[in-house]
Amino acid sequence: MKIYHNPRCSKSRKTLAMIEEAGVQTEVILYLEQPPTAVELGEILDSLGMEPADLMRKGEAVYAELGLAGKELDRAETIEIMVANPVLIERPIVVKAGQAVIGRPPENVQPLL
């Protein structure tokens, strides 16, 4: 199991705690320091059944700074922007055996445990 984690986020901390309490061995990826590659993010999106825009944190300052509101971007362009600006990636994301969930709320992770 992997968790794309931001320790400053309370939902991310709670999700990680739930996983640890369940005794599941987990690779913790501090995605702000070590963002996924474009290929990895594409695979995560496929596992989530989401498009990049659905996983993008639109309330972040960098979203406005980049002028992304209302901008028409294709999938590859959106993924590249998210990889270059990982703060735009919704968190936490938990991946296990080709399945993925967003830990918002943290209880979303239960089916993977």
PDB file of N, CA and C in Angstrom:
ATOM      1  N   MET A   1       0.845  -1.170   0.000  1.00  0.00           N
ATOM      2  CA  MET A   1       0.000   0.000   0.000  1.00  0.00           C
ATOM      3  C   MET A   1       0.891   1.234   0.000  1.00  0.00           C
ATOM      4  N   LYS A   2       0.436   2.267  -0.710  1.00  0.00           N
ATOM      5  CA  LYS A   2       1.132   3.552  -0.737  1.00  0.00           C
ATOM      6  C   LYS A   2       0.152   4.636  -0.324  1.00  0.00           C
ATOM      7  N   ILE A   3       0.672   5.636   0.363  1.00  0.00           N
ATOM      8  CA  ILE A   3      -0.120   6.820   0.650  1.00  0.00           C
ATOM      9  C   ILE A   3       0.681   8.038   0.195  1.00  0.00           C
ATOM     10  N   TYR A   4       0.038   8.842  -0.637  1.00  0.00           N
ATOM     11  CA  TYR A   4       0.611  10.127  -1.045  1.00  0.00           C
ATOM     12  C   TYR A   4       0.160  11.101   0.034  1.00  0.00           C
ATOM     13  N   HIS A   5       1.097  11.487   0.870  1.00  0.00           N
ATOM     14  CA  HIS A   5       0.812  12.093   2.171  1.00  0.00           C
ATOM     15  C   HIS A   5       1.392  13.496   2.291  1.00  0.00           C
ATOM     16  N   ASN A   6       0.625  14.351   2.953  1.00  0.00           N
ATOM     17  CA  ASN A   6       1.099  15.672   3.349  1.00  0.00           C
ATOM     18  C   ASN A   6       0.923  15.751   4.864  1.00  0.00           C
ATOM     19  N   PRO A   7       2.004  15.692   5.627  1.00  0.00           N
ATOM     20  CA  PRO A   7       1.889  15.676   7.084  1.00  0.00           C
ATOM     21  C   PRO A   7       1.269  16.935   7.675  1.00  0.00           C
ATOM     22  N   ARG A   8       1.172  18.006   6.920  1.00  0.00           N
ATOM     23  CA  ARG A   8       0.546  19.236   7.425  1.00  0.00           C
ATOM     24  C   ARG A   8      -0.976  19.189   7.308  1.00  0.00           C
ATOM     25  N   CYS A   9      -1.510  18.186   6.619  1.00  0.00           N
ATOM     26  CA  CYS A   9      -2.954  18.064   6.387  1.00  0.00           C
ATOM     27  C   CYS A   9      -3.570  17.122   7.423  1.00  0.00           C
ATOM     28  N   SER A  10      -4.568  17.590   8.134  1.00  0.00           N
ATOM     29  CA  SER A  10      -5.190  16.768   9.181  1.00  0.00           C
ATOM     30  C   SER A  10      -5.863  15.523   8.604  1.00  0.00           C
ATOM     31  N   LYS A  11      -6.485  15.623   7.443  1.00  0.00           N
ATOM     32  CA  LYS A  11      -7.126  14.445   6.826  1.00  0.00           C
ATOM     33  C   LYS A  11      -6.074  13.419   6.417  1.00  0.00           C
ATOM     34  N   SER A  12      -4.954  13.895   5.933  1.00  0.00           N
ATOM     35  CA  SER A  12      -3.875  13.001   5.544  1.00  0.00           C
ATOM     36  C   SER A  12      -3.297  12.297   6.773  1.00  0.00           C
ATOM     37  N   ARG A  13      -3.108  13.043   7.845  1.00  0.00           N
ATOM     38  CA  ARG A  13      -2.588  12.435   9.092  1.00  0.00           C
ATOM     39  C   ARG A  13      -3.566  11.400   9.625  1.00  0.00           C
ATOM     40  N   LYS A  14      -4.852  11.717   9.603  1.00  0.00           N
ATOM     41  CA  LYS A  14      -5.853  10.787  10.123  1.00  0.00           C
ATOM     42  C   LYS A  14      -5.920   9.529   9.254  1.00  0.00           C
ATOM     43  N   THR A  15      -5.827   9.701   7.946  1.00  0.00           N
ATOM     44  CA  THR A  15      -5.846   8.552   7.042  1.00  0.00           C
ATOM     45  C   THR A  15      -4.646   7.644   7.305  1.00  0.00           C
ATOM     46  N   LEU A  16      -3.465   8.232   7.443  1.00  0.00           N
ATOM     47  CA  LEU A  16      -2.272   7.445   7.726  1.00  0.00           C
ATOM     48  C   LEU A  16      -2.406   6.721   9.062  1.00  0.00           C
ATOM     49  N   ALA A  17      -2.955   7.387  10.052  1.00  0.00           N
ATOM     50  CA  ALA A  17      -3.152   6.750  11.365  1.00  0.00           C
ATOM     51  C   ALA A  17      -4.081   5.544  11.252  1.00  0.00           C
ATOM     52  N   MET A  18      -5.147   5.658  10.457  1.00  0.00           N
ATOM     53  CA  MET A  18      -6.077   4.533  10.272  1.00  0.00           C
ATOM     54  C   MET A  18      -5.361   3.338   9.645  1.00  0.00           C
ATOM     55  N   ILE A  19      -4.527   3.619   8.661  1.00  0.00           N
ATOM     56  CA  ILE A  19      -3.783   2.551   7.984  1.00  0.00           C
ATOM     57  C   ILE A  19      -2.818   1.886   8.968  1.00  0.00           C
ATOM     58  N   GLU A  20      -2.093   2.706   9.726  1.00  0.00           N
ATOM     59  CA  GLU A  20      -1.146   2.160  10.703  1.00  0.00           C
ATOM     60  C   GLU A  20      -1.852   1.352  11.775  1.00  0.00           C
ATOM     61  N   GLU A  21      -3.009   1.838  12.254  1.00  0.00           N
ATOM     62  CA  GLU A  21      -3.775   1.110  13.271  1.00  0.00           C
ATOM     63  C   GLU A  21      -4.248  -0.240  12.742  1.00  0.00           C
ATOM     64  N   ALA A  22      -4.491  -0.333  11.441  1.00  0.00           N
ATOM     65  CA  ALA A  22      -4.922  -1.593  10.834  1.00  0.00           C
ATOM     66  C   ALA A  22      -3.747  -2.546  10.637  1.00  0.00           C
ATOM     67  N   GLY A  23      -2.518  -2.058  10.879  1.00  0.00           N
ATOM     68  CA  GLY A  23      -1.339  -2.898  10.765  1.00  0.00           C
ATOM     69  C   GLY A  23      -0.903  -3.181   9.335  1.00  0.00           C
ATOM     70  N   VAL A  24      -1.330  -2.334   8.416  1.00  0.00           N
ATOM     71  CA  VAL A  24      -0.983  -2.538   7.007  1.00  0.00           C
ATOM     72  C   VAL A  24       0.355  -1.863   6.713  1.00  0.00           C
ATOM     73  N   GLN A  25       1.273  -2.618   6.125  1.00  0.00           N
ATOM     74  CA  GLN A  25       2.561  -2.050   5.762  1.00  0.00           C
ATOM     75  C   GLN A  25       2.340  -1.040   4.645  1.00  0.00           C
ATOM     76  N   THR A  26       2.870   0.162   4.840  1.00  0.00           N
ATOM     77  CA  THR A  26       2.586   1.268   3.932  1.00  0.00           C
ATOM     78  C   THR A  26       3.849   2.020   3.567  1.00  0.00           C
ATOM     79  N   GLU A  27       3.948   2.345   2.283  1.00  0.00           N
ATOM     80  CA  GLU A  27       5.000   3.235   1.815  1.00  0.00           C
ATOM     81  C   GLU A  27       4.435   4.648   1.846  1.00  0.00           C
ATOM     82  N   VAL A  28       5.035   5.499   2.646  1.00  0.00           N
ATOM     83  CA  VAL A  28       4.586   6.884   2.769  1.00  0.00           C
ATOM     84  C   VAL A  28       5.377   7.735   1.789  1.00  0.00           C
ATOM     85  N   ILE A  29       4.659   8.356   0.881  1.00  0.00           N
ATOM     86  CA  ILE A  29       5.290   9.215  -0.126  1.00  0.00           C
ATOM     87  C   ILE A  29       4.912  10.660   0.188  1.00  0.00           C
ATOM     88  N   LEU A  30       5.899  11.446   0.545  1.00  0.00           N
ATOM     89  CA  LEU A  30       5.678  12.872   0.801  1.00  0.00           C
ATOM     90  C   LEU A  30       5.648  13.557  -0.562  1.00  0.00           C
ATOM     91  N   TYR A  31       4.465  13.582  -1.157  1.00  0.00           N
ATOM     92  CA  TYR A  31       4.336  13.946  -2.564  1.00  0.00           C
ATOM     93  C   TYR A  31       4.693  15.397  -2.869  1.00  0.00           C
ATOM     94  N   LEU A  32       4.721  16.268  -1.854  1.00  0.00           N
ATOM     95  CA  LEU A  32       5.149  17.644  -2.114  1.00  0.00           C
ATOM     96  C   LEU A  32       6.661  17.696  -2.348  1.00  0.00           C
ATOM     97  N   GLU A  33       7.386  16.760  -1.732  1.00  0.00           N
ATOM     98  CA  GLU A  33       8.835  16.670  -1.901  1.00  0.00           C
ATOM     99  C   GLU A  33       9.216  15.724  -3.032  1.00  0.00           C
ATOM    100  N   GLN A  34       8.415  14.690  -3.223  1.00  0.00           N
ATOM    101  CA  GLN A  34       8.676  13.653  -4.219  1.00  0.00           C
ATOM    102  C   GLN A  34       7.385  13.414  -5.008  1.00  0.00           C
ATOM    103  N   PRO A  35       7.050  14.341  -5.919  1.00  0.00           N
ATOM    104  CA  PRO A  35       5.795  14.196  -6.655  1.00  0.00           C
ATOM    105  C   PRO A  35       5.810  12.967  -7.562  1.00  0.00           C
ATOM    106  N   PRO A  36       4.621  12.434  -7.844  1.00  0.00           N
ATOM    107  CA  PRO A  36       4.568  11.323  -8.792  1.00  0.00           C
ATOM    108  C   PRO A  36       4.991  11.808 -10.175  1.00  0.00           C
ATOM    109  N   THR A  37       5.458  10.896 -11.000  1.00  0.00           N
ATOM    110  CA  THR A  37       5.747  11.237 -12.385  1.00  0.00           C
ATOM    111  C   THR A  37       4.417  11.389 -13.127  1.00  0.00           C
ATOM    112  N   ALA A  38       4.482  11.897 -14.340  1.00  0.00           N
ATOM    113  CA  ALA A  38       3.265  12.031 -15.149  1.00  0.00           C
ATOM    114  C   ALA A  38       2.636  10.655 -15.386  1.00  0.00           C
ATOM    115  N   VAL A  39       3.472   9.653 -15.622  1.00  0.00           N
ATOM    116  CA  VAL A  39       2.955   8.293 -15.839  1.00  0.00           C
ATOM    117  C   VAL A  39       2.283   7.780 -14.568  1.00  0.00           C
ATOM    118  N   GLU A  40       2.955   7.943 -13.427  1.00  0.00           N
ATOM    119  CA  GLU A  40       2.371   7.487 -12.151  1.00  0.00           C
ATOM    120  C   GLU A  40       1.054   8.197 -11.868  1.00  0.00           C
ATOM    121  N   LEU A  41       1.016   9.515 -12.074  1.00  0.00           N
ATOM    122  CA  LEU A  41      -0.217  10.256 -11.805  1.00  0.00           C
ATOM    123  C   LEU A  41      -1.323   9.809 -12.756  1.00  0.00           C
ATOM    124  N   GLY A  42      -0.984   9.535 -13.999  1.00  0.00           N
ATOM    125  CA  GLY A  42      -1.973   9.015 -14.945  1.00  0.00           C
ATOM    126  C   GLY A  42      -2.535   7.677 -14.481  1.00  0.00           C
ATOM    127  N   GLU A  43      -1.672   6.802 -13.978  1.00  0.00           N
ATOM    128  CA  GLU A  43      -2.118   5.499 -13.466  1.00  0.00           C
ATOM    129  C   GLU A  43      -2.992   5.671 -12.229  1.00  0.00           C
ATOM    130  N   ILE A  44      -2.615   6.590 -11.350  1.00  0.00           N
ATOM    131  CA  ILE A  44      -3.423   6.862 -10.154  1.00  0.00           C
ATOM    132  C   ILE A  44      -4.802   7.354 -10.576  1.00  0.00           C
ATOM    133  N   LEU A  45      -4.846   8.273 -11.515  1.00  0.00           N
ATOM    134  CA  LEU A  45      -6.129   8.797 -12.003  1.00  0.00           C
ATOM    135  C   LEU A  45      -6.989   7.681 -12.590  1.00  0.00           C
ATOM    136  N   ASP A  46      -6.369   6.789 -13.361  1.00  0.00           N
ATOM    137  CA  ASP A  46      -7.108   5.653 -13.918  1.00  0.00           C
ATOM    138  C   ASP A  46      -7.668   4.777 -12.802  1.00  0.00           C
ATOM    139  N   SER A  47      -6.861   4.517 -11.770  1.00  0.00           N
ATOM    140  CA  SER A  47      -7.313   3.704 -10.638  1.00  0.00           C
ATOM    141  C   SER A  47      -8.445   4.376  -9.874  1.00  0.00           C
ATOM    142  N   LEU A  48      -8.394   5.694  -9.817  1.00  0.00           N
ATOM    143  CA  LEU A  48      -9.460   6.453  -9.147  1.00  0.00           C
ATOM    144  C   LEU A  48     -10.711   6.585 -10.012  1.00  0.00           C
ATOM    145  N   GLY A  49     -10.539   6.402 -11.322  1.00  0.00           N
ATOM    146  CA  GLY A  49     -11.650   6.622 -12.247  1.00  0.00           C
ATOM    147  C   GLY A  49     -11.968   8.099 -12.383  1.00  0.00           C
ATOM    148  N   MET A  50     -10.917   8.923 -12.322  1.00  0.00           N
ATOM    149  CA  MET A  50     -11.096  10.373 -12.349  1.00  0.00           C
ATOM    150  C   MET A  50     -10.285  10.992 -13.479  1.00  0.00           C
ATOM    151  N   GLU A  51     -10.676  12.188 -13.848  1.00  0.00           N
ATOM    152  CA  GLU A  51      -9.902  13.006 -14.765  1.00  0.00           C
ATOM    153  C   GLU A  51      -9.029  13.944 -13.938  1.00  0.00           C
ATOM    154  N   PRO A  52      -7.935  14.447 -14.490  1.00  0.00           N
ATOM    155  CA  PRO A  52      -7.036  15.305 -13.723  1.00  0.00           C
ATOM    156  C   PRO A  52      -7.724  16.512 -13.075  1.00  0.00           C
ATOM    157  N   ALA A  53      -8.620  17.139 -13.785  1.00  0.00           N
ATOM    158  CA  ALA A  53      -9.296  18.319 -13.231  1.00  0.00           C
ATOM    159  C   ALA A  53     -10.090  17.977 -11.973  1.00  0.00           C
ATOM    160  N   ASP A  54     -10.562  16.716 -11.876  1.00  0.00           N
ATOM    161  CA  ASP A  54     -11.325  16.291 -10.700  1.00  0.00           C
ATOM    162  C   ASP A  54     -10.445  16.112  -9.474  1.00  0.00           C
ATOM    163  N   LEU A  55      -9.144  15.924  -9.692  1.00  0.00           N
ATOM    164  CA  LEU A  55      -8.199  15.692  -8.599  1.00  0.00           C
ATOM    165  C   LEU A  55      -7.428  16.961  -8.239  1.00  0.00           C
ATOM    166  N   MET A  56      -7.717  18.038  -8.946  1.00  0.00           N
ATOM    167  CA  MET A  56      -6.967  19.279  -8.762  1.00  0.00           C
ATOM    168  C   MET A  56      -7.586  20.134  -7.663  1.00  0.00           C
ATOM    169  N   ARG A  57      -6.725  20.620  -6.772  1.00  0.00           N
ATOM    170  CA  ARG A  57      -7.143  21.508  -5.679  1.00  0.00           C
ATOM    171  C   ARG A  57      -7.248  22.936  -6.227  1.00  0.00           C
ATOM    172  N   LYS A  58      -8.472  23.319  -6.530  1.00  0.00           N
ATOM    173  CA  LYS A  58      -8.704  24.606  -7.181  1.00  0.00           C
ATOM    174  C   LYS A  58      -8.630  25.798  -6.231  1.00  0.00           C
ATOM    175  N   GLY A  59      -8.595  25.542  -4.942  1.00  0.00           N
ATOM    176  CA  GLY A  59      -8.519  26.620  -3.956  1.00  0.00           C
ATOM    177  C   GLY A  59      -7.097  27.055  -3.628  1.00  0.00           C
ATOM    178  N   GLU A  60      -6.115  26.368  -4.190  1.00  0.00           N
ATOM    179  CA  GLU A  60      -4.721  26.715  -3.917  1.00  0.00           C
ATOM    180  C   GLU A  60      -4.329  27.992  -4.657  1.00  0.00           C
ATOM    181  N   ALA A  61      -3.474  28.784  -4.033  1.00  0.00           N
ATOM    182  CA  ALA A  61      -3.035  30.051  -4.625  1.00  0.00           C
ATOM    183  C   ALA A  61      -2.387  29.842  -5.989  1.00  0.00           C
ATOM    184  N   VAL A  62      -1.620  28.781  -6.141  1.00  0.00           N
ATOM    185  CA  VAL A  62      -0.926  28.532  -7.408  1.00  0.00           C
ATOM    186  C   VAL A  62      -1.922  28.287  -8.548  1.00  0.00           C
ATOM    187  N   TYR A  63      -3.093  27.770  -8.231  1.00  0.00           N
ATOM    188  CA  TYR A  63      -4.135  27.571  -9.244  1.00  0.00           C
ATOM    189  C   TYR A  63      -4.508  28.914  -9.865  1.00  0.00           C
ATOM    190  N   ALA A  64      -4.709  29.908  -9.016  1.00  0.00           N
ATOM    191  CA  ALA A  64      -5.037  31.256  -9.508  1.00  0.00           C
ATOM    192  C   ALA A  64      -3.824  31.895 -10.192  1.00  0.00           C
ATOM    193  N   GLU A  65      -2.647  31.724  -9.589  1.00  0.00           N
ATOM    194  CA  GLU A  65      -1.427  32.312 -10.149  1.00  0.00           C
ATOM    195  C   GLU A  65      -1.149  31.820 -11.569  1.00  0.00           C
ATOM    196  N   LEU A  66      -1.481  30.549 -11.821  1.00  0.00           N
ATOM    197  CA  LEU A  66      -1.259  29.976 -13.151  1.00  0.00           C
ATOM    198  C   LEU A  66      -2.407  30.286 -14.115  1.00  0.00           C
ATOM    199  N   GLY A  67      -3.450  30.947 -13.607  1.00  0.00           N
ATOM    200  CA  GLY A  67      -4.588  31.303 -14.456  1.00  0.00           C
ATOM    201  C   GLY A  67      -5.334  30.089 -14.983  1.00  0.00           C
ATOM    202  N   LEU A  68      -5.496  29.065 -14.147  1.00  0.00           N
ATOM    203  CA  LEU A  68      -6.103  27.817 -14.597  1.00  0.00           C
ATOM    204  C   LEU A  68      -7.628  27.841 -14.650  1.00  0.00           C
ATOM    205  N   ALA A  69      -8.256  28.743 -13.921  1.00  0.00           N
ATOM    206  CA  ALA A  69      -9.723  28.796 -13.900  1.00  0.00           C
ATOM    207  C   ALA A  69     -10.251  29.062 -15.306  1.00  0.00           C
ATOM    208  N   GLY A  70     -11.115  28.179 -15.759  1.00  0.00           N
ATOM    209  CA  GLY A  70     -11.732  28.343 -17.064  1.00  0.00           C
ATOM    210  C   GLY A  70     -10.836  28.008 -18.249  1.00  0.00           C
ATOM    211  N   LYS A  71      -9.625  27.586 -17.989  1.00  0.00           N
ATOM    212  CA  LYS A  71      -8.680  27.263 -19.058  1.00  0.00           C
ATOM    213  C   LYS A  71      -8.962  25.843 -19.557  1.00  0.00           C
ATOM    214  N   GLU A  72      -8.994  25.667 -20.864  1.00  0.00           N
ATOM    215  CA  GLU A  72      -9.200  24.347 -21.465  1.00  0.00           C
ATOM    216  C   GLU A  72      -7.849  23.662 -21.654  1.00  0.00           C
ATOM    217  N   LEU A  73      -7.614  22.630 -20.887  1.00  0.00           N
ATOM    218  CA  LEU A  73      -6.358  21.875 -20.980  1.00  0.00           C
ATOM    219  C   LEU A  73      -6.689  20.414 -21.271  1.00  0.00           C
ATOM    220  N   ASP A  74      -5.829  19.755 -22.026  1.00  0.00           N
ATOM    221  CA  ASP A  74      -6.060  18.326 -22.223  1.00  0.00           C
ATOM    222  C   ASP A  74      -5.487  17.557 -21.028  1.00  0.00           C
ATOM    223  N   ARG A  75      -5.728  16.266 -21.023  1.00  0.00           N
ATOM    224  CA  ARG A  75      -5.319  15.418 -19.899  1.00  0.00           C
ATOM    225  C   ARG A  75      -3.821  15.513 -19.635  1.00  0.00           C
ATOM    226  N   ALA A  76      -3.012  15.386 -20.682  1.00  0.00           N
ATOM    227  CA  ALA A  76      -1.557  15.410 -20.509  1.00  0.00           C
ATOM    228  C   ALA A  76      -1.076  16.755 -19.967  1.00  0.00           C
ATOM    229  N   GLU A  77      -1.629  17.847 -20.468  1.00  0.00           N
ATOM    230  CA  GLU A  77      -1.238  19.180 -19.993  1.00  0.00           C
ATOM    231  C   GLU A  77      -1.588  19.351 -18.515  1.00  0.00           C
ATOM    232  N   THR A  78      -2.777  18.902 -18.145  1.00  0.00           N
ATOM    233  CA  THR A  78      -3.220  19.037 -16.754  1.00  0.00           C
ATOM    234  C   THR A  78      -2.346  18.209 -15.831  1.00  0.00           C
ATOM    235  N   ILE A  79      -2.026  16.995 -16.232  1.00  0.00           N
ATOM    236  CA  ILE A  79      -1.152  16.132 -15.429  1.00  0.00           C
ATOM    237  C   ILE A  79       0.220  16.785 -15.272  1.00  0.00           C
ATOM    238  N   GLU A  80       0.785  17.316 -16.339  1.00  0.00           N
ATOM    239  CA  GLU A  80       2.100  17.966 -16.260  1.00  0.00           C
ATOM    240  C   GLU A  80       2.078  19.150 -15.291  1.00  0.00           C
ATOM    241  N   ILE A  81       1.015  19.925 -15.311  1.00  0.00           N
ATOM    242  CA  ILE A  81       0.890  21.059 -14.385  1.00  0.00           C
ATOM    243  C   ILE A  81       0.852  20.555 -12.948  1.00  0.00           C
ATOM    244  N   MET A  82       0.130  19.470 -12.705  1.00  0.00           N
ATOM    245  CA  MET A  82       0.018  18.921 -11.352  1.00  0.00           C
ATOM    246  C   MET A  82       1.347  18.340 -10.876  1.00  0.00           C
ATOM    247  N   VAL A  83       2.076  17.687 -11.767  1.00  0.00           N
ATOM    248  CA  VAL A  83       3.384  17.131 -11.407  1.00  0.00           C
ATOM    249  C   VAL A  83       4.359  18.268 -11.080  1.00  0.00           C
ATOM    250  N   ALA A  84       4.310  19.341 -11.863  1.00  0.00           N
ATOM    251  CA  ALA A  84       5.197  20.483 -11.634  1.00  0.00           C
ATOM    252  C   ALA A  84       4.795  21.294 -10.410  1.00  0.00           C
ATOM    253  N   ASN A  85       3.523  21.190 -10.007  1.00  0.00           N
ATOM    254  CA  ASN A  85       2.969  21.932  -8.862  1.00  0.00           C
ATOM    255  C   ASN A  85       2.181  20.956  -7.991  1.00  0.00           C
ATOM    256  N   PRO A  86       2.867  20.046  -7.285  1.00  0.00           N
ATOM    257  CA  PRO A  86       2.160  18.978  -6.571  1.00  0.00           C
ATOM    258  C   PRO A  86       1.189  19.463  -5.502  1.00  0.00           C
ATOM    259  N   VAL A  87       1.292  20.719  -5.079  1.00  0.00           N
ATOM    260  CA  VAL A  87       0.329  21.237  -4.116  1.00  0.00           C
ATOM    261  C   VAL A  87      -1.085  21.221  -4.709  1.00  0.00           C
ATOM    262  N   LEU A  88      -1.181  21.137  -6.022  1.00  0.00           N
ATOM    263  CA  LEU A  88      -2.482  21.093  -6.691  1.00  0.00           C
ATOM    264  C   LEU A  88      -3.137  19.715  -6.645  1.00  0.00           C
ATOM    265  N   ILE A  89      -2.397  18.689  -6.211  1.00  0.00           N
ATOM    266  CA  ILE A  89      -2.934  17.326  -6.166  1.00  0.00           C
ATOM    267  C   ILE A  89      -3.712  17.128  -4.865  1.00  0.00           C
ATOM    268  N   GLU A  90      -4.952  16.688  -5.001  1.00  0.00           N
ATOM    269  CA  GLU A  90      -5.783  16.407  -3.822  1.00  0.00           C
ATOM    270  C   GLU A  90      -5.097  15.356  -2.968  1.00  0.00           C
ATOM    271  N   ARG A  91      -5.313  15.425  -1.675  1.00  0.00           N
ATOM    272  CA  ARG A  91      -4.657  14.518  -0.739  1.00  0.00           C
ATOM    273  C   ARG A  91      -5.617  14.037   0.331  1.00  0.00           C
ATOM    274  N   PRO A  92      -5.254  12.974   0.973  1.00  0.00           N
ATOM    275  CA  PRO A  92      -4.254  11.974   0.631  1.00  0.00           C
ATOM    276  C   PRO A  92      -4.814  10.996  -0.400  1.00  0.00           C
ATOM    277  N   ILE A  93      -3.939  10.401  -1.147  1.00  0.00           N
ATOM    278  CA  ILE A  93      -4.322   9.346  -2.090  1.00  0.00           C
ATOM    279  C   ILE A  93      -3.699   8.058  -1.585  1.00  0.00           C
ATOM    280  N   VAL A  94      -4.517   7.020  -1.492  1.00  0.00           N
ATOM    281  CA  VAL A  94      -4.046   5.713  -1.035  1.00  0.00           C
ATOM    282  C   VAL A  94      -4.211   4.732  -2.192  1.00  0.00           C
ATOM    283  N   VAL A  95      -3.151   3.992  -2.475  1.00  0.00           N
ATOM    284  CA  VAL A  95      -3.137   3.059  -3.598  1.00  0.00           C
ATOM    285  C   VAL A  95      -2.764   1.673  -3.072  1.00  0.00           C
ATOM    286  N   LYS A  96      -3.519   0.678  -3.522  1.00  0.00           N
ATOM    287  CA  LYS A  96      -3.219  -0.708  -3.147  1.00  0.00           C
ATOM    288  C   LYS A  96      -3.682  -1.625  -4.273  1.00  0.00           C
ATOM    289  N   ALA A  97      -2.753  -2.386  -4.816  1.00  0.00           N
ATOM    290  CA  ALA A  97      -3.050  -3.413  -5.819  1.00  0.00           C
ATOM    291  C   ALA A  97      -3.932  -2.886  -6.954  1.00  0.00           C
ATOM    292  N   GLY A  98      -3.546  -1.754  -7.514  1.00  0.00           N
ATOM    293  CA  GLY A  98      -4.279  -1.206  -8.652  1.00  0.00           C
ATOM    294  C   GLY A  98      -5.567  -0.478  -8.310  1.00  0.00           C
ATOM    295  N   GLN A  99      -5.894  -0.410  -7.036  1.00  0.00           N
ATOM    296  CA  GLN A  99      -7.063   0.345  -6.589  1.00  0.00           C
ATOM    297  C   GLN A  99      -6.569   1.601  -5.894  1.00  0.00           C
ATOM    298  N   ALA A 100      -7.359   2.665  -5.963  1.00  0.00           N
ATOM    299  CA  ALA A 100      -6.971   3.910  -5.308  1.00  0.00           C
ATOM    300  C   ALA A 100      -8.218   4.612  -4.770  1.00  0.00           C
ATOM    301  N   VAL A 101      -8.016   5.317  -3.663  1.00  0.00           N
ATOM    302  CA  VAL A 101      -9.072   6.151  -3.083  1.00  0.00           C
ATOM    303  C   VAL A 101      -8.440   7.435  -2.565  1.00  0.00           C
ATOM    304  N   ILE A 102      -9.268   8.446  -2.475  1.00  0.00           N
ATOM    305  CA  ILE A 102      -8.865   9.691  -1.831  1.00  0.00           C
ATOM    306  C   ILE A 102      -9.359   9.618  -0.398  1.00  0.00           C
ATOM    307  N   GLY A 103      -8.483   9.876   0.545  1.00  0.00           N
ATOM    308  CA  GLY A 103      -8.830   9.795   1.965  1.00  0.00           C
ATOM    309  C   GLY A 103      -9.555  11.030   2.470  1.00  0.00           C
ATOM    310  N   ARG A 104     -10.538  11.476   1.769  1.00  0.00           N
ATOM    311  CA  ARG A 104     -11.401  12.599   2.170  1.00  0.00           C
ATOM    312  C   ARG A 104     -12.833  12.154   2.010  1.00  0.00           C
ATOM    313  N   PRO A 105     -13.463  11.721   3.046  1.00  0.00           N
ATOM    314  CA  PRO A 105     -12.986  11.593   4.417  1.00  0.00           C
ATOM    315  C   PRO A 105     -12.073  10.370   4.570  1.00  0.00           C
ATOM    316  N   PRO A 106     -11.320  10.326   5.662  1.00  0.00           N
ATOM    317  CA  PRO A 106     -10.392   9.210   5.876  1.00  0.00           C
ATOM    318  C   PRO A 106     -11.062   7.834   5.807  1.00  0.00           C
ATOM    319  N   GLU A 107     -12.327   7.761   6.153  1.00  0.00           N
ATOM    320  CA  GLU A 107     -13.043   6.479   6.129  1.00  0.00           C
ATOM    321  C   GLU A 107     -13.112   5.873   4.729  1.00  0.00           C
ATOM    322  N   ASN A 108     -12.875   6.668   3.697  1.00  0.00           N
ATOM    323  CA  ASN A 108     -12.867   6.144   2.326  1.00  0.00           C
ATOM    324  C   ASN A 108     -11.832   5.047   2.144  1.00  0.00           C
ATOM    325  N   VAL A 109     -10.842   4.999   3.023  1.00  0.00           N
ATOM    326  CA  VAL A 109      -9.750   4.033   2.911  1.00  0.00           C
ATOM    327  C   VAL A 109     -10.153   2.638   3.409  1.00  0.00           C
ATOM    328  N   GLN A 110     -11.207   2.540   4.175  1.00  0.00           N
ATOM    329  CA  GLN A 110     -11.611   1.262   4.776  1.00  0.00           C
ATOM    330  C   GLN A 110     -11.675   0.100   3.792  1.00  0.00           C
ATOM    331  N   PRO A 111     -12.247   0.269   2.598  1.00  0.00           N
ATOM    332  CA  PRO A 111     -12.297  -0.884   1.682  1.00  0.00           C
ATOM    333  C   PRO A 111     -10.921  -1.430   1.282  1.00  0.00           C
ATOM    334  N   LEU A 112      -9.893  -0.611   1.347  1.00  0.00           N
ATOM    335  CA  LEU A 112      -8.544  -1.084   0.996  1.00  0.00           C
ATOM    336  C   LEU A 112      -7.849  -1.776   2.161  1.00  0.00           C
ATOM    337  N   LEU A 113      -8.373  -1.594   3.356  1.00  0.00           N
ATOM    338  CA  LEU A 113      -7.746  -2.198   4.529  1.00  0.00           C
ATOM    339  C   LEU A 113      -8.219  -3.631   4.660  1.00  0.00           C
TER     340      LEU A 113
END
